Amino acid sequence: MAEVESFTLDHTKVKAPYVREITQESGPKGDILTNFDLRFVQPNESAIPTAGLHTIEHLLADLLRDRVTGIIDCSPFGCRTGFHLIVWGSPTATEVAIALKESLEKIADSIQWADVQGTDIISCGNYKDHSLFSAKEWAKKILEDGISDDAFKRHVV
């Protein structure tokens, strides 16, 4: 079996919330893909409820694309502690952390239900499982805790 970097990470050593570069991969034509760990809550101590996480996912799909060039995908971890962010190119963890902070500020402060894309039966595979209230509360908590650009030492952006 292939070794998956995320499963070799010592989850007891990280200090969430943070942004961590997991890996950079170079394709056969020199294209670079970078995979980031956007960790919102401390592993094995907390998890974001699915409805709030689902709404955050839909909002980040839009908000991060306004702030980070070349986003391919932003998908939640099954453990509900954060997201993978996969991008073309090589932005720094600091750049991504700043973009994430700005996006969460917008969720906490000004997003309304009408701003959440993909929340009907046609555009979402589980459209009934959303909570803007939960998304806003978790965004506020993550911002209060501060987003670090280092997974092991607190360096809040």
C-alpha atoms as a PDB file:
ATOM      1  CA  MET A   1       0.000   0.000   0.000  1.00  0.00           C
ATOM      2  CA  ALA A   2       1.095   3.547  -0.654  1.00  0.00           C
ATOM      3  CA  GLU A   3       2.160   5.620   2.317  1.00  0.00           C
ATOM      4  CA  VAL A   4      -0.257   8.503   2.834  1.00  0.00           C
ATOM      5  CA  GLU A   5       1.466  11.500   4.404  1.00  0.00           C
ATOM      6  CA  SER A   6      -1.585  12.548   6.401  1.00  0.00           C
ATOM      7  CA  PHE A   7      -1.597   9.179   8.163  1.00  0.00           C
ATOM      8  CA  THR A   8       2.057   9.565   9.161  1.00  0.00           C
ATOM      9  CA  LEU A   9       1.437  12.971  10.766  1.00  0.00           C
ATOM     10  CA  ASP A  10       1.558  12.844  14.562  1.00  0.00           C
ATOM     11  CA  HIS A  11      -1.842  14.366  15.300  1.00  0.00           C
ATOM     12  CA  THR A  12      -0.899  14.794  18.975  1.00  0.00           C
ATOM     13  CA  LYS A  13       1.875  17.276  18.100  1.00  0.00           C
ATOM     14  CA  VAL A  14      -0.023  19.765  15.912  1.00  0.00           C
ATOM     15  CA  LYS A  15      -1.585  22.955  17.260  1.00  0.00           C
ATOM     16  CA  ALA A  16      -4.786  23.886  15.452  1.00  0.00           C
ATOM     17  CA  PRO A  17      -6.009  26.064  13.842  1.00  0.00           C
ATOM     18  CA  TYR A  18      -3.267  26.140  11.229  1.00  0.00           C
ATOM     19  CA  VAL A  19      -2.345  25.895   7.565  1.00  0.00           C
ATOM     20  CA  ARG A  20       0.320  23.333   6.694  1.00  0.00           C
ATOM     21  CA  GLU A  21       1.818  22.445   3.354  1.00  0.00           C
ATOM     22  CA  ILE A  22       1.503  18.689   3.031  1.00  0.00           C
ATOM     23  CA  THR A  23       3.326  18.228  -0.250  1.00  0.00           C
ATOM     24  CA  GLN A  24       4.297  19.719  -3.565  1.00  0.00           C
ATOM     25  CA  GLU A  25       4.167  17.471  -6.592  1.00  0.00           C
ATOM     26  CA  SER A  26       5.697  18.215  -9.961  1.00  0.00           C
ATOM     27  CA  GLY A  27       4.027  16.804 -13.055  1.00  0.00           C
ATOM     28  CA  PRO A  28       5.792  15.448 -16.157  1.00  0.00           C
ATOM     29  CA  LYS A  29       5.548  18.853 -17.861  1.00  0.00           C
ATOM     30  CA  GLY A  30       6.790  20.759 -14.817  1.00  0.00           C
ATOM     31  CA  ASP A  31       3.376  21.735 -13.463  1.00  0.00           C
ATOM     32  CA  ILE A  32       3.344  22.063  -9.683  1.00  0.00           C
ATOM     33  CA  LEU A  33       0.473  20.986  -7.455  1.00  0.00           C
ATOM     34  CA  THR A  34       0.491  21.876  -3.766  1.00  0.00           C
ATOM     35  CA  ASN A  35      -1.655  20.156  -1.156  1.00  0.00           C
ATOM     36  CA  PHE A  36      -2.406  21.989   2.109  1.00  0.00           C
ATOM     37  CA  ASP A  37      -3.843  20.853   5.419  1.00  0.00           C
ATOM     38  CA  LEU A  38      -6.294  23.524   6.609  1.00  0.00           C
ATOM     39  CA  ARG A  39      -6.815  22.358  10.178  1.00  0.00           C
ATOM     40  CA  PHE A  40      -9.637  24.153  11.976  1.00  0.00           C
ATOM     41  CA  VAL A  41      -9.875  22.273  15.284  1.00  0.00           C
ATOM     42  CA  GLN A  42      -7.505  20.207  17.388  1.00  0.00           C
ATOM     43  CA  PRO A  43      -7.531  16.578  16.218  1.00  0.00           C
ATOM     44  CA  ASN A  44      -9.125  14.101  18.622  1.00  0.00           C
ATOM     45  CA  GLU A  45     -10.386  16.925  20.842  1.00  0.00           C
ATOM     46  CA  SER A  46     -13.133  18.408  18.692  1.00  0.00           C
ATOM     47  CA  ALA A  47     -14.906  17.998  15.364  1.00  0.00           C
ATOM     48  CA  ILE A  48     -17.149  20.320  13.403  1.00  0.00           C
ATOM     49  CA  PRO A  49     -20.711  18.973  13.046  1.00  0.00           C
ATOM     50  CA  THR A  50     -21.482  17.857   9.515  1.00  0.00           C
ATOM     51  CA  ALA A  51     -24.102  20.493   8.704  1.00  0.00           C
ATOM     52  CA  GLY A  52     -21.778  23.377   9.646  1.00  0.00           C
ATOM     53  CA  LEU A  53     -18.792  21.746   7.942  1.00  0.00           C
ATOM     54  CA  HIS A  54     -20.853  21.178   4.801  1.00  0.00           C
ATOM     55  CA  THR A  55     -21.867  24.841   4.665  1.00  0.00           C
ATOM     56  CA  ILE A  56     -18.277  25.962   5.308  1.00  0.00           C
ATOM     57  CA  GLU A  57     -17.220  23.685   2.434  1.00  0.00           C
ATOM     58  CA  HIS A  58     -19.670  25.321   0.033  1.00  0.00           C
ATOM     59  CA  LEU A  59     -18.626  28.810   1.127  1.00  0.00           C
ATOM     60  CA  LEU A  60     -14.876  28.136   0.951  1.00  0.00           C
ATOM     61  CA  ALA A  61     -15.301  26.738  -2.563  1.00  0.00           C
ATOM     62  CA  ASP A  62     -16.264  30.275  -3.567  1.00  0.00           C
ATOM     63  CA  LEU A  63     -14.455  32.541  -1.078  1.00  0.00           C
ATOM     64  CA  LEU A  64     -11.015  30.921  -1.330  1.00  0.00           C
ATOM     65  CA  ARG A  65     -11.136  31.039  -5.134  1.00  0.00           C
ATOM     66  CA  ASP A  66     -11.475  34.824  -4.842  1.00  0.00           C
ATOM     67  CA  ARG A  67      -8.261  34.906  -2.797  1.00  0.00           C
ATOM     68  CA  VAL A  68      -6.005  32.061  -3.972  1.00  0.00           C
ATOM     69  CA  THR A  69      -5.130  31.539  -7.630  1.00  0.00           C
ATOM     70  CA  GLY A  70      -5.340  28.065  -9.127  1.00  0.00           C
ATOM     71  CA  ILE A  71      -7.549  26.221  -6.660  1.00  0.00           C
ATOM     72  CA  ILE A  72      -8.353  22.723  -7.853  1.00  0.00           C
ATOM     73  CA  ASP A  73     -10.246  21.453  -4.826  1.00  0.00           C
ATOM     74  CA  CYS A  74     -11.095  22.205  -1.212  1.00  0.00           C
ATOM     75  CA  SER A  75     -12.526  19.119   0.494  1.00  0.00           C
ATOM     76  CA  PRO A  76     -13.307  18.341   4.130  1.00  0.00           C
ATOM     77  CA  PHE A  77     -11.463  15.672   6.070  1.00  0.00           C
ATOM     78  CA  GLY A  78     -13.619  12.716   7.076  1.00  0.00           C
ATOM     79  CA  CYS A  79     -12.594  13.379  10.693  1.00  0.00           C
ATOM     80  CA  ARG A  80     -14.312  16.800  10.385  1.00  0.00           C
ATOM     81  CA  THR A  81     -11.316  18.728  11.763  1.00  0.00           C
ATOM     82  CA  GLY A  82     -10.453  20.641   8.597  1.00  0.00           C
ATOM     83  CA  PHE A  83      -9.915  20.512   4.852  1.00  0.00           C
ATOM     84  CA  HIS A  84      -7.485  19.595   2.103  1.00  0.00           C
ATOM     85  CA  LEU A  85      -6.778  22.472  -0.269  1.00  0.00           C
ATOM     86  CA  ILE A  86      -5.170  21.478  -3.572  1.00  0.00           C
ATOM     87  CA  VAL A  87      -3.853  24.224  -5.855  1.00  0.00           C
ATOM     88  CA  TRP A  88      -1.832  24.695  -9.014  1.00  0.00           C
ATOM     89  CA  GLY A  89       1.471  26.392  -8.222  1.00  0.00           C
ATOM     90  CA  SER A  90       3.171  26.989  -4.932  1.00  0.00           C
ATOM     91  CA  PRO A  91       1.570  29.576  -2.679  1.00  0.00           C
ATOM     92  CA  THR A  92       3.037  29.708   0.817  1.00  0.00           C
ATOM     93  CA  ALA A  93       1.283  28.533   3.950  1.00  0.00           C
ATOM     94  CA  THR A  94       1.245  32.174   5.069  1.00  0.00           C
ATOM     95  CA  GLU A  95      -0.540  33.292   1.889  1.00  0.00           C
ATOM     96  CA  VAL A  96      -3.113  30.527   2.260  1.00  0.00           C
ATOM     97  CA  ALA A  97      -3.571  31.243   5.991  1.00  0.00           C
ATOM     98  CA  ILE A  98      -4.284  34.914   5.238  1.00  0.00           C
ATOM     99  CA  ALA A  99      -6.785  33.950   2.522  1.00  0.00           C
ATOM    100  CA  LEU A 100      -8.439  31.476   4.881  1.00  0.00           C
ATOM    101  CA  LYS A 101      -8.643  34.099   7.641  1.00  0.00           C
ATOM    102  CA  GLU A 102     -10.270  36.601   5.249  1.00  0.00           C
ATOM    103  CA  SER A 103     -12.730  33.947   4.063  1.00  0.00           C
ATOM    104  CA  LEU A 104     -13.708  32.951   7.603  1.00  0.00           C
ATOM    105  CA  GLU A 105     -14.113  36.623   8.549  1.00  0.00           C
ATOM    106  CA  LYS A 106     -16.565  37.002   5.685  1.00  0.00           C
ATOM    107  CA  ILE A 107     -18.463  33.876   6.789  1.00  0.00           C
ATOM    108  CA  ALA A 108     -18.613  35.120  10.388  1.00  0.00           C
ATOM    109  CA  ASP A 109     -19.511  38.728   9.608  1.00  0.00           C
ATOM    110  CA  SER A 110     -21.477  39.153   6.414  1.00  0.00           C
ATOM    111  CA  ILE A 111     -22.516  35.945   4.648  1.00  0.00           C
ATOM    112  CA  GLN A 112     -26.265  35.414   4.399  1.00  0.00           C
ATOM    113  CA  TRP A 113     -28.109  32.229   3.373  1.00  0.00           C
ATOM    114  CA  ALA A 114     -28.622  33.621  -0.148  1.00  0.00           C
ATOM    115  CA  ASP A 115     -24.812  33.753  -0.521  1.00  0.00           C
ATOM    116  CA  VAL A 116     -24.387  29.988   0.010  1.00  0.00           C
ATOM    117  CA  GLN A 117     -24.165  28.281  -3.386  1.00  0.00           C
ATOM    118  CA  GLY A 118     -25.327  24.742  -4.084  1.00  0.00           C
ATOM    119  CA  THR A 119     -27.976  24.246  -1.426  1.00  0.00           C
ATOM    120  CA  ASP A 120     -30.847  22.741  -3.375  1.00  0.00           C
ATOM    121  CA  ILE A 121     -31.702  19.237  -4.517  1.00  0.00           C
ATOM    122  CA  ILE A 122     -30.331  19.873  -8.010  1.00  0.00           C
ATOM    123  CA  SER A 123     -26.918  21.258  -7.019  1.00  0.00           C
ATOM    124  CA  CYS A 124     -26.045  19.338  -3.824  1.00  0.00           C
ATOM    125  CA  GLY A 125     -25.931  15.653  -3.004  1.00  0.00           C
ATOM    126  CA  ASN A 126     -27.075  16.203   0.597  1.00  0.00           C
ATOM    127  CA  TYR A 127     -28.830  19.572   0.401  1.00  0.00           C
ATOM    128  CA  LYS A 128     -30.777  19.139   3.655  1.00  0.00           C
ATOM    129  CA  ASP A 129     -27.577  18.860   5.716  1.00  0.00           C
ATOM    130  CA  HIS A 130     -26.497  22.518   5.946  1.00  0.00           C
ATOM    131  CA  SER A 131     -26.322  25.030   8.783  1.00  0.00           C
ATOM    132  CA  LEU A 132     -25.263  28.609   8.201  1.00  0.00           C
ATOM    133  CA  PHE A 133     -25.661  29.272  11.930  1.00  0.00           C
ATOM    134  CA  SER A 134     -23.170  26.500  12.736  1.00  0.00           C
ATOM    135  CA  ALA A 135     -20.792  27.650   9.970  1.00  0.00           C
ATOM    136  CA  LYS A 136     -20.810  31.187  11.381  1.00  0.00           C
ATOM    137  CA  GLU A 137     -20.255  30.017  14.967  1.00  0.00           C
ATOM    138  CA  TRP A 138     -17.345  27.762  13.975  1.00  0.00           C
ATOM    139  CA  ALA A 139     -15.812  30.509  11.829  1.00  0.00           C
ATOM    140  CA  LYS A 140     -15.921  32.834  14.845  1.00  0.00           C
ATOM    141  CA  LYS A 141     -14.321  30.205  17.091  1.00  0.00           C
ATOM    142  CA  ILE A 142     -11.529  29.457  14.611  1.00  0.00           C
ATOM    143  CA  LEU A 143     -10.827  33.174  14.213  1.00  0.00           C
ATOM    144  CA  GLU A 144     -10.805  33.654  18.005  1.00  0.00           C
ATOM    145  CA  ASP A 145      -8.247  30.842  18.323  1.00  0.00           C
ATOM    146  CA  GLY A 146      -6.160  32.412  15.506  1.00  0.00           C
ATOM    147  CA  ILE A 147      -4.900  30.746  12.343  1.00  0.00           C
ATOM    148  CA  SER A 148      -1.219  29.822  12.401  1.00  0.00           C
ATOM    149  CA  ASP A 149       0.962  29.328   9.339  1.00  0.00           C
ATOM    150  CA  ASP A 150       2.905  26.690  11.288  1.00  0.00           C
ATOM    151  CA  ALA A 151       1.319  23.434  12.455  1.00  0.00           C
ATOM    152  CA  PHE A 152       3.682  22.881  15.384  1.00  0.00           C
ATOM    153  CA  LYS A 153       4.413  26.391  16.690  1.00  0.00           C
ATOM    154  CA  ARG A 154       1.755  29.036  17.036  1.00  0.00           C
ATOM    155  CA  HIS A 155       2.513  31.808  14.526  1.00  0.00           C
ATOM    156  CA  VAL A 156      -0.842  33.503  14.034  1.00  0.00           C
ATOM    157  CA  VAL A 157      -1.369  35.510  10.842  1.00  0.00           C
END
